[in-house]
Amino acid sequence: MFKPLDRRTFLKAAGVSLALPLLESMSPTIASAATAAPPKRMVAICNTLSLHPPSFWPEETGSDYELTEYLEIVKEHRKNFTLINGLAHEDQFGGVCPHSCEMTWLTSARNPGNGDFKNSVSFDQVAAEKLGYVTRFPSISLSSWEEKGLSVSSSGVMIPAESHPARLFSQLFLQGNQREVEKQKRNMSSGRSILDALMTRTKSLHRRISAGDKEQLDTYFESVRKAEKDISKAESWLDTPKPVVARETPVEYPDREDLIERTQLLMDMTSLIIQTDSSRLVTMLIDRDHGSVKVDGVTGSHHGLSHHGKDPEKIVELRKIEVKLMESFNSFLTNLTENNEGESSLLDNTMVLFGSNLGNGNSHDPHNLPVLLAGGGFDHGSYIKHDENDNEPFCNLFVTMLNQLGVETDSFAQSTGTLSW
């Protein structure tokens, strides 16, 4: 008979602290693991330049809708997500910058960007305040570029986002004095895994857990190793001299980080955050200002292509970028689906909200927002469409999600009730 493990068991070595995923051996008895209620979580991902509507929305509603170009990419998860059209926040045209509504995607504060604008709390932070420190990090805000994020405090101040996957990895897994942490960073950069430092403890743990746990743990360790390798590969370019060209640097589209690679790294790191229960509330902003994007067949900038003016050639390039983003999102859903806790998958216990603050990036229209809600224990598999000329409050969905998290509430911001389907 296996001796039960504490839910907060960590593998520790000099400079390293590796949290473990939920294992059946962490229950008082292996049999009771099936009945132990796993934690509920939420991830919100906003692509600030929207998604090309004809490539995203199906023609017909209901459960028998025909897959579109983008939905074909996530078709294996079709039964695990719901599409919801006809949602919006009111009064989102404030200020001189038509993209200002990205700062209110999770708050629904009116007139963003106006001179007297003051943001309000985002709904993930309402949940974080109620749930408290049930995990190491009550919430985590991520961004594909710089510190601009989606999460807003109760005082209306944006919470700086983490945009460096390597730094996030260090925050999650490296600890100790400065010399120990720096040593582990050097090990990572030279291709060694933090798991190497934990080898003895890993072998000891394997002797204490069930066969099912061993399989789950091996899958988790593979995810950690993959994240390390990808981060090391990306970070190696920081010290690589850039090529010299016989022309001035373009001012309009400066060379920026690789949007697709960075987004994929953040998706992978979010999977690890969920697997280790490091946080139950994660927000991710896919930024609009990356400039030129390293995607085959794409010569324009992501931002510029989003304002395609219905030019067929620009739309083709835009779709190439968005296909890559959808592929990253699909890999995230797959990771959550393939990792279990008890008798359910991580996706079963994690609400994943994916969408944008703009319904149409070409016209900066903040109505009819693209909304895909996956997992979280909801009844999924359908396409729901509300009145496209008189949208339902987007934050009605936030009320539903808060209640699903166990944060009971009747309203949030502009809501008029809950959203059900």
Protein backbone atom coordinates (compact mmCIF):
# COMPACT_ATOMS: atom_id res chain seq x y z
CA MET A 1 0.00 0.00 0.00
CA PHE A 2 1.33 3.42 -0.94
CA LYS A 3 1.90 6.04 1.73
CA PRO A 4 -0.16 9.14 0.80
CA LEU A 5 1.75 12.18 -0.44
CA ASP A 6 1.00 15.70 0.71
CA ARG A 7 -0.77 17.79 -1.98
CA ARG A 8 1.99 20.40 -1.67
CA THR A 9 4.85 17.97 -2.19
CA PHE A 10 7.86 19.56 -3.93
CA LEU A 11 11.01 18.00 -5.30
CA LYS A 12 13.85 20.14 -4.00
CA ALA A 13 17.55 20.48 -4.66
CA ALA A 14 20.04 23.34 -4.54
CA GLY A 15 18.49 26.17 -6.51
CA VAL A 16 15.49 24.13 -7.66
CA SER A 17 11.96 23.63 -6.36
CA LEU A 18 9.69 21.64 -8.64
CA ALA A 19 6.00 21.49 -7.80
CA LEU A 20 4.20 18.27 -8.71
CA PRO A 21 0.92 17.81 -10.56
CA LEU A 22 -2.06 16.37 -8.69
CA LEU A 23 -1.45 12.63 -8.27
CA GLU A 24 -3.87 10.00 -7.04
CA SER A 25 -1.27 9.07 -4.40
CA MET A 26 -1.83 12.48 -2.80
CA SER A 27 -5.27 11.40 -1.58
CA PRO A 28 -5.66 9.68 1.82
CA THR A 29 -6.21 6.48 -0.14
CA ILE A 30 -5.84 5.77 -3.83
CA ALA A 31 -9.50 4.86 -4.05
CA SER A 32 -10.63 8.20 -2.68
CA ALA A 33 -8.71 10.10 -5.37
CA ALA A 34 -11.56 9.53 -7.77
CA THR A 35 -13.99 11.30 -5.46
CA ALA A 36 -11.71 14.18 -4.39
CA ALA A 37 -12.91 17.38 -6.04
CA PRO A 38 -10.09 18.85 -8.15
CA PRO A 39 -9.55 22.63 -8.04
CA LYS A 40 -11.32 24.92 -10.50
CA ARG A 41 -9.24 27.26 -12.63
CA MET A 42 -9.53 29.93 -15.31
CA VAL A 43 -7.30 31.05 -18.19
CA ALA A 44 -8.21 34.10 -20.33
CA ILE A 45 -6.35 34.70 -23.61
CA CYS A 46 -6.88 37.85 -25.70
CA ASN A 47 -5.56 38.26 -29.24
CA THR A 48 -5.79 42.05 -29.43
CA LEU A 49 -6.00 42.24 -33.24
CA SER A 50 -9.03 39.94 -33.39
CA LEU A 51 -9.52 37.04 -35.79
CA HIS A 52 -10.62 37.33 -39.43
CA PRO A 53 -14.40 36.77 -38.99
CA PRO A 54 -15.07 34.64 -42.14
CA SER A 55 -12.26 32.29 -41.11
CA PHE A 56 -13.56 31.97 -37.54
CA TRP A 57 -17.37 32.08 -37.44
CA PRO A 58 -19.47 29.21 -38.86
CA GLU A 59 -22.47 29.93 -41.09
CA GLU A 60 -24.95 27.89 -39.05
CA THR A 61 -25.54 27.78 -35.29
CA GLY A 62 -26.18 24.75 -33.09
CA SER A 63 -24.10 21.62 -32.58
CA ASP A 64 -23.90 20.57 -36.23
CA TYR A 65 -22.14 23.68 -37.53
CA GLU A 66 -19.62 23.26 -40.33
CA LEU A 67 -16.02 23.83 -39.29
CA THR A 68 -14.35 26.97 -40.61
CA GLU A 69 -10.66 27.38 -41.49
CA TYR A 70 -9.63 28.27 -37.92
CA LEU A 71 -12.00 25.85 -36.19
CA GLU A 72 -10.63 23.01 -38.31
CA ILE A 73 -7.36 23.49 -36.39
CA VAL A 74 -9.05 22.81 -33.04
CA LYS A 75 -11.53 20.22 -34.32
CA GLU A 76 -10.25 17.48 -31.99
CA HIS A 77 -11.57 19.60 -29.09
CA ARG A 78 -14.91 20.46 -30.70
CA LYS A 79 -16.95 18.73 -28.00
CA ASN A 80 -15.00 20.63 -25.34
CA PHE A 81 -15.70 24.23 -26.40
CA THR A 82 -18.59 26.57 -27.12
CA LEU A 83 -18.58 29.44 -29.63
CA ILE A 84 -20.53 32.51 -28.56
CA ASN A 85 -21.25 35.35 -31.00
CA GLY A 86 -23.13 38.59 -30.37
CA LEU A 87 -21.29 39.70 -27.20
CA ALA A 88 -19.81 43.14 -26.47
CA HIS A 89 -19.02 45.72 -23.82
CA GLU A 90 -20.85 49.04 -24.25
CA ASP A 91 -19.07 52.36 -24.86
CA GLN A 92 -15.68 51.06 -25.98
CA PHE A 93 -14.83 53.78 -28.51
CA GLY A 94 -13.23 56.20 -26.04
CA GLY A 95 -9.98 58.09 -26.63
CA VAL A 96 -7.88 58.77 -29.69
CA CYS A 97 -6.54 55.20 -29.91
CA PRO A 98 -9.15 52.78 -31.26
CA HIS A 99 -7.24 49.90 -29.62
CA SER A 100 -7.84 51.27 -26.12
CA CYS A 101 -10.56 48.70 -25.55
CA GLU A 102 -7.90 46.02 -25.08
CA MET A 103 -7.34 47.41 -21.57
CA THR A 104 -11.02 46.85 -20.72
CA TRP A 105 -11.48 43.35 -22.18
CA LEU A 106 -11.74 41.84 -18.68
CA THR A 107 -13.15 44.94 -16.93
CA SER A 108 -15.78 46.40 -19.33
CA ALA A 109 -15.08 49.92 -18.03
CA ARG A 110 -16.62 52.55 -20.31
CA ASN A 111 -14.81 54.97 -22.63
CA PRO A 112 -11.28 53.58 -22.36
CA GLY A 113 -8.60 56.03 -23.39
CA ASN A 114 -10.55 59.21 -22.61
CA GLY A 115 -8.65 61.91 -20.72
CA ASP A 116 -10.60 61.26 -17.54
CA PHE A 117 -10.73 57.47 -17.97
CA LYS A 118 -10.18 55.31 -14.92
CA ASN A 119 -10.24 51.56 -15.34
CA SER A 120 -12.07 49.20 -13.01
CA VAL A 121 -11.14 45.82 -11.59
CA SER A 122 -10.85 42.86 -13.98
CA PHE A 123 -12.96 39.85 -13.16
CA ASP A 124 -9.95 37.57 -12.69
CA GLN A 125 -8.81 39.84 -9.86
CA VAL A 126 -12.26 39.66 -8.26
CA ALA A 127 -11.74 35.90 -8.20
CA ALA A 128 -8.14 36.24 -6.96
CA GLU A 129 -9.26 38.38 -4.03
CA LYS A 130 -11.93 35.86 -3.04
CA LEU A 131 -9.79 32.76 -3.49
CA GLY A 132 -6.67 34.25 -1.87
CA TYR A 133 -3.39 32.38 -1.52
CA VAL A 134 -4.70 28.89 -2.18
CA THR A 135 -1.76 28.61 -4.60
CA ARG A 136 1.75 30.11 -4.63
CA PHE A 137 0.55 32.83 -7.01
CA PRO A 138 -3.07 34.03 -6.57
CA SER A 139 -2.98 35.10 -10.22
CA ILE A 140 -0.47 35.38 -13.06
CA SER A 141 -0.58 37.98 -15.83
CA LEU A 142 1.30 37.19 -19.05
CA SER A 143 1.96 39.16 -22.22
CA SER A 144 3.66 38.44 -25.53
CA TRP A 145 5.38 41.83 -25.39
CA GLU A 146 6.59 44.06 -22.56
CA GLU A 147 4.54 44.60 -19.38
CA LYS A 148 1.16 45.49 -20.85
CA GLY A 149 -1.38 42.98 -19.53
CA LEU A 150 -5.08 42.26 -19.12
CA SER A 151 -5.35 42.11 -15.33
CA VAL A 152 -6.42 45.24 -13.44
CA SER A 153 -6.36 45.72 -9.68
CA SER A 154 -9.29 46.84 -7.54
CA SER A 155 -7.88 50.38 -7.67
CA GLY A 156 -8.03 50.40 -11.47
CA VAL A 157 -4.28 49.97 -12.03
CA MET A 158 -2.96 47.54 -14.64
CA ILE A 159 -0.97 44.70 -13.09
CA PRO A 160 2.36 44.46 -14.95
CA ALA A 161 2.53 41.31 -17.05
CA GLU A 162 5.41 38.89 -17.36
CA SER A 163 6.57 38.71 -20.97
CA HIS A 164 9.81 36.70 -20.63
CA PRO A 165 9.23 32.92 -20.57
CA ALA A 166 12.70 32.27 -19.11
CA ARG A 167 12.09 34.67 -16.25
CA LEU A 168 8.69 33.08 -15.63
CA PHE A 169 10.31 29.63 -15.59
CA SER A 170 12.78 30.86 -12.99
CA GLN A 171 9.99 32.28 -10.83
CA LEU A 172 8.15 28.97 -10.95
CA PHE A 173 10.98 26.51 -10.48
CA LEU A 174 14.25 28.12 -9.36
CA GLN A 175 14.88 29.13 -5.78
CA GLY A 176 17.68 29.49 -3.28
CA ASN A 177 20.52 31.96 -2.97
CA GLN A 178 21.66 33.97 -5.97
CA ARG A 179 24.63 31.70 -6.70
CA GLU A 180 22.46 28.56 -6.74
CA VAL A 181 19.87 30.14 -9.01
CA GLU A 182 22.51 31.47 -11.40
CA LYS A 183 24.12 28.02 -11.54
CA GLN A 184 20.81 26.45 -12.54
CA LYS A 185 20.30 29.12 -15.21
CA ARG A 186 23.73 28.31 -16.64
CA ASN A 187 22.87 24.62 -16.60
CA MET A 188 19.70 25.35 -18.56
CA SER A 189 21.54 27.45 -21.10
CA SER A 190 24.04 24.64 -21.65
CA GLY A 191 21.29 22.11 -22.28
CA ARG A 192 21.04 20.53 -18.84
CA SER A 193 17.64 20.11 -17.26
CA ILE A 194 16.68 21.11 -13.73
CA LEU A 195 15.42 17.54 -13.53
CA ASP A 196 19.08 16.42 -13.54
CA ALA A 197 19.51 18.07 -10.14
CA LEU A 198 16.43 16.24 -8.89
CA MET A 199 17.37 12.79 -10.20
CA THR A 200 17.83 11.14 -6.78
CA ARG A 201 14.58 12.56 -5.42
CA THR A 202 12.73 11.61 -8.60
CA LYS A 203 13.81 7.97 -8.27
CA SER A 204 12.76 7.98 -4.62
CA LEU A 205 9.36 9.40 -5.53
CA HIS A 206 8.79 6.72 -8.18
CA ARG A 207 9.06 4.05 -5.49
CA ARG A 208 6.24 5.70 -3.51
CA ILE A 209 3.58 6.17 -6.17
CA SER A 210 1.24 4.04 -8.26
CA ALA A 211 1.78 2.94 -11.86
CA GLY A 212 -0.81 5.45 -13.06
CA ASP A 213 0.98 8.24 -11.21
CA LYS A 214 4.30 7.23 -12.75
CA GLU A 215 2.86 7.60 -16.24
CA GLN A 216 1.34 10.99 -15.41
CA LEU A 217 4.56 12.16 -13.77
CA ASP A 218 6.64 11.11 -16.77
CA THR A 219 4.34 13.12 -19.05
CA TYR A 220 4.74 16.13 -16.78
CA PHE A 221 8.53 15.81 -16.72
CA GLU A 222 8.51 15.68 -20.53
CA SER A 223 6.62 18.98 -20.55
CA VAL A 224 9.20 20.54 -18.22
CA ARG A 225 12.08 19.35 -20.40
CA LYS A 226 10.38 20.66 -23.55
CA ALA A 227 9.83 24.07 -21.96
CA GLU A 228 13.49 24.21 -20.91
CA LYS A 229 14.73 23.32 -24.39
CA ASP A 230 12.43 25.81 -26.12
CA ILE A 231 13.35 28.61 -23.73
CA SER A 232 17.06 27.83 -24.06
CA LYS A 233 16.75 27.89 -27.85
CA ALA A 234 14.93 31.23 -27.79
CA GLU A 235 17.27 32.80 -25.24
CA SER A 236 20.37 31.78 -27.20
CA TRP A 237 19.50 34.38 -29.82
CA LEU A 238 19.90 37.16 -27.29
CA ASP A 239 23.69 36.84 -27.46
CA THR A 240 23.83 36.21 -31.21
CA PRO A 241 24.97 39.24 -33.23
CA LYS A 242 22.33 40.46 -35.65
CA PRO A 243 23.19 40.53 -39.35
CA VAL A 244 24.40 43.80 -40.82
CA VAL A 245 22.51 45.00 -43.90
CA ALA A 246 23.31 47.81 -46.30
CA ARG A 247 20.22 49.88 -45.50
CA GLU A 248 18.75 51.90 -42.70
CA THR A 249 16.53 50.20 -40.16
CA PRO A 250 12.87 50.60 -41.23
CA VAL A 251 11.10 52.99 -38.90
CA GLU A 252 7.54 51.79 -39.53
CA TYR A 253 8.15 48.10 -38.79
CA PRO A 254 11.07 47.74 -36.36
CA ASP A 255 12.46 44.28 -35.75
CA ARG A 256 10.63 42.79 -32.76
CA GLU A 257 10.49 39.48 -30.97
CA ASP A 258 8.99 36.53 -32.81
CA LEU A 259 5.25 36.66 -32.01
CA ILE A 260 4.51 33.03 -32.81
CA GLU A 261 7.46 31.56 -30.89
CA ARG A 262 6.83 33.76 -27.87
CA THR A 263 3.11 32.95 -27.87
CA GLN A 264 3.87 29.23 -28.05
CA LEU A 265 6.31 29.49 -25.13
CA LEU A 266 3.71 31.31 -23.04
CA MET A 267 1.11 28.66 -23.91
CA ASP A 268 3.54 25.94 -22.81
CA MET A 269 4.37 27.77 -19.59
CA THR A 270 0.68 28.26 -18.84
CA SER A 271 0.22 24.51 -19.16
CA LEU A 272 2.93 24.00 -16.53
CA ILE A 273 1.32 26.61 -14.27
CA ILE A 274 -1.94 24.67 -14.42
CA GLN A 275 -0.30 21.24 -14.09
CA THR A 276 1.58 22.28 -10.95
CA ASP A 277 -1.35 24.24 -9.52
CA SER A 278 1.02 27.21 -9.18
CA SER A 279 -1.92 29.50 -9.91
CA ARG A 280 -5.58 29.02 -10.73
CA LEU A 281 -6.03 32.33 -12.54
CA VAL A 282 -3.94 33.16 -15.61
CA THR A 283 -4.43 35.94 -18.16
CA MET A 284 -2.49 36.26 -21.41
CA LEU A 285 -2.36 39.20 -23.80
CA ILE A 286 -1.23 38.55 -27.39
CA ASP A 287 -0.01 42.02 -28.27
CA ARG A 288 -0.57 44.02 -31.47
CA ASP A 289 2.80 45.76 -31.74
CA HIS A 290 5.24 43.02 -32.70
CA GLY A 291 5.92 44.54 -36.11
CA SER A 292 6.92 42.11 -38.84
CA VAL A 293 6.06 38.50 -38.00
CA LYS A 294 8.33 35.57 -38.86
CA VAL A 295 5.82 33.43 -40.73
CA ASP A 296 6.49 31.95 -44.16
CA GLY A 297 4.69 33.91 -46.86
CA VAL A 298 4.13 36.98 -44.68
CA THR A 299 5.85 40.26 -45.57
CA GLY A 300 3.67 42.80 -43.73
CA SER A 301 3.27 43.49 -40.03
CA HIS A 302 0.55 41.81 -38.00
CA HIS A 303 -0.97 45.17 -37.08
CA GLY A 304 -0.81 46.49 -40.63
CA LEU A 305 -2.35 43.34 -42.08
CA SER A 306 -5.21 43.44 -39.60
CA HIS A 307 -6.21 46.69 -41.35
CA HIS A 308 -6.36 44.96 -44.69
CA GLY A 309 -9.04 47.17 -46.23
CA LYS A 310 -10.46 43.97 -47.79
CA ASP A 311 -7.33 43.59 -49.91
CA PRO A 312 -7.28 39.85 -50.79
CA GLU A 313 -3.48 39.59 -50.72
CA LYS A 314 -3.27 41.16 -47.25
CA ILE A 315 -6.05 38.91 -45.97
CA VAL A 316 -4.10 35.84 -47.17
CA GLU A 317 -1.07 36.99 -45.13
CA LEU A 318 -3.21 37.83 -42.09
CA ARG A 319 -4.76 34.37 -42.16
CA LYS A 320 -1.30 32.77 -42.24
CA ILE A 321 -0.46 34.55 -38.95
CA GLU A 322 -3.77 33.71 -37.33
CA VAL A 323 -3.51 30.05 -38.36
CA LYS A 324 -0.21 29.88 -36.44
CA LEU A 325 -1.82 31.50 -33.39
CA MET A 326 -4.70 29.01 -33.56
CA GLU A 327 -2.19 26.16 -33.77
CA SER A 328 -0.52 27.42 -30.58
CA PHE A 329 -3.91 27.62 -28.89
CA ASN A 330 -4.72 24.09 -30.06
CA SER A 331 -1.48 22.78 -28.54
CA PHE A 332 -2.49 24.37 -25.23
CA LEU A 333 -5.91 22.68 -25.26
CA THR A 334 -4.24 19.38 -26.14
CA ASN A 335 -1.83 19.67 -23.19
CA LEU A 336 -4.71 20.25 -20.79
CA THR A 337 -6.69 17.39 -22.30
CA GLU A 338 -3.86 14.86 -22.12
CA ASN A 339 -3.04 15.55 -18.46
CA ASN A 340 -5.37 14.16 -15.84
CA GLU A 341 -6.14 14.81 -12.19
CA GLY A 342 -8.25 12.10 -10.65
CA GLU A 343 -10.80 10.87 -13.19
CA SER A 344 -10.95 14.16 -15.10
CA SER A 345 -8.60 16.08 -17.36
CA LEU A 346 -7.07 19.45 -16.57
CA LEU A 347 -9.29 20.94 -19.27
CA ASP A 348 -12.39 19.55 -17.53
CA ASN A 349 -11.45 21.65 -14.49
CA THR A 350 -10.09 24.72 -16.27
CA MET A 351 -12.21 27.34 -18.02
CA VAL A 352 -10.31 28.67 -21.03
CA LEU A 353 -11.62 31.92 -22.51
CA PHE A 354 -10.11 32.73 -25.90
CA GLY A 355 -11.04 35.76 -27.98
CA SER A 356 -10.42 39.43 -28.60
CA ASN A 357 -11.43 42.95 -27.61
CA LEU A 358 -12.28 43.63 -31.27
CA GLY A 359 -14.94 41.88 -33.30
CA ASN A 360 -13.42 43.19 -36.52
CA GLY A 361 -9.80 44.30 -36.47
CA ASN A 362 -10.01 45.91 -39.89
CA SER A 363 -12.59 48.46 -38.71
CA HIS A 364 -11.69 48.54 -34.99
CA ASP A 365 -15.24 47.38 -34.24
CA PRO A 366 -15.64 46.22 -30.60
CA HIS A 367 -18.97 44.48 -31.25
CA ASN A 368 -19.68 40.80 -31.98
CA LEU A 369 -16.48 39.75 -30.24
CA PRO A 370 -14.94 36.39 -31.12
CA VAL A 371 -15.49 34.25 -28.03
CA LEU A 372 -14.50 30.62 -27.56
CA LEU A 373 -15.01 29.11 -24.12
CA ALA A 374 -13.45 25.70 -23.53
CA GLY A 375 -13.45 23.26 -20.62
CA GLY A 376 -14.42 24.13 -17.08
CA GLY A 377 -17.21 21.59 -16.72
CA PHE A 378 -19.71 23.32 -19.01
CA ASP A 379 -21.94 21.59 -21.55
CA HIS A 380 -20.03 22.28 -24.78
CA GLY A 381 -20.14 21.52 -28.48
CA SER A 382 -22.39 24.25 -29.88
CA TYR A 383 -22.26 27.59 -31.65
CA ILE A 384 -24.48 30.19 -29.96
CA LYS A 385 -25.30 33.46 -31.71
CA HIS A 386 -27.00 36.43 -30.05
CA ASP A 387 -28.42 39.47 -31.86
CA GLU A 388 -25.57 40.95 -33.91
CA ASN A 389 -27.21 44.40 -33.86
CA ASP A 390 -28.07 44.40 -30.16
CA ASN A 391 -25.31 42.47 -28.43
CA GLU A 392 -25.58 40.78 -25.06
CA PRO A 393 -23.24 42.11 -22.34
CA PHE A 394 -19.95 40.24 -22.60
CA CYS A 395 -19.57 40.43 -18.82
CA ASN A 396 -22.70 38.31 -18.37
CA LEU A 397 -20.30 35.52 -19.29
CA PHE A 398 -17.90 36.75 -16.60
CA VAL A 399 -20.65 36.37 -13.99
CA THR A 400 -21.23 32.79 -15.14
CA MET A 401 -17.50 32.05 -15.00
CA LEU A 402 -17.08 33.57 -11.54
CA ASN A 403 -19.89 31.40 -10.21
CA GLN A 404 -18.31 28.36 -11.85
CA LEU A 405 -15.08 29.18 -9.98
CA GLY A 406 -17.02 29.16 -6.72
CA VAL A 407 -17.02 32.96 -6.44
CA GLU A 408 -20.74 33.54 -6.01
CA THR A 409 -22.02 36.80 -7.45
CA ASP A 410 -25.09 38.20 -9.19
CA SER A 411 -23.37 40.89 -11.20
CA PHE A 412 -20.13 42.29 -12.56
CA ALA A 413 -19.66 45.72 -14.15
CA GLN A 414 -22.14 46.11 -17.07
CA SER A 415 -23.75 42.71 -16.60
CA THR A 416 -27.50 42.23 -16.65
CA GLY A 417 -27.40 38.67 -15.35
CA THR A 418 -25.67 35.42 -16.25
CA LEU A 419 -25.06 33.90 -19.66
CA SER A 420 -26.32 30.40 -20.19
CA TRP A 421 -26.64 28.04 -23.15
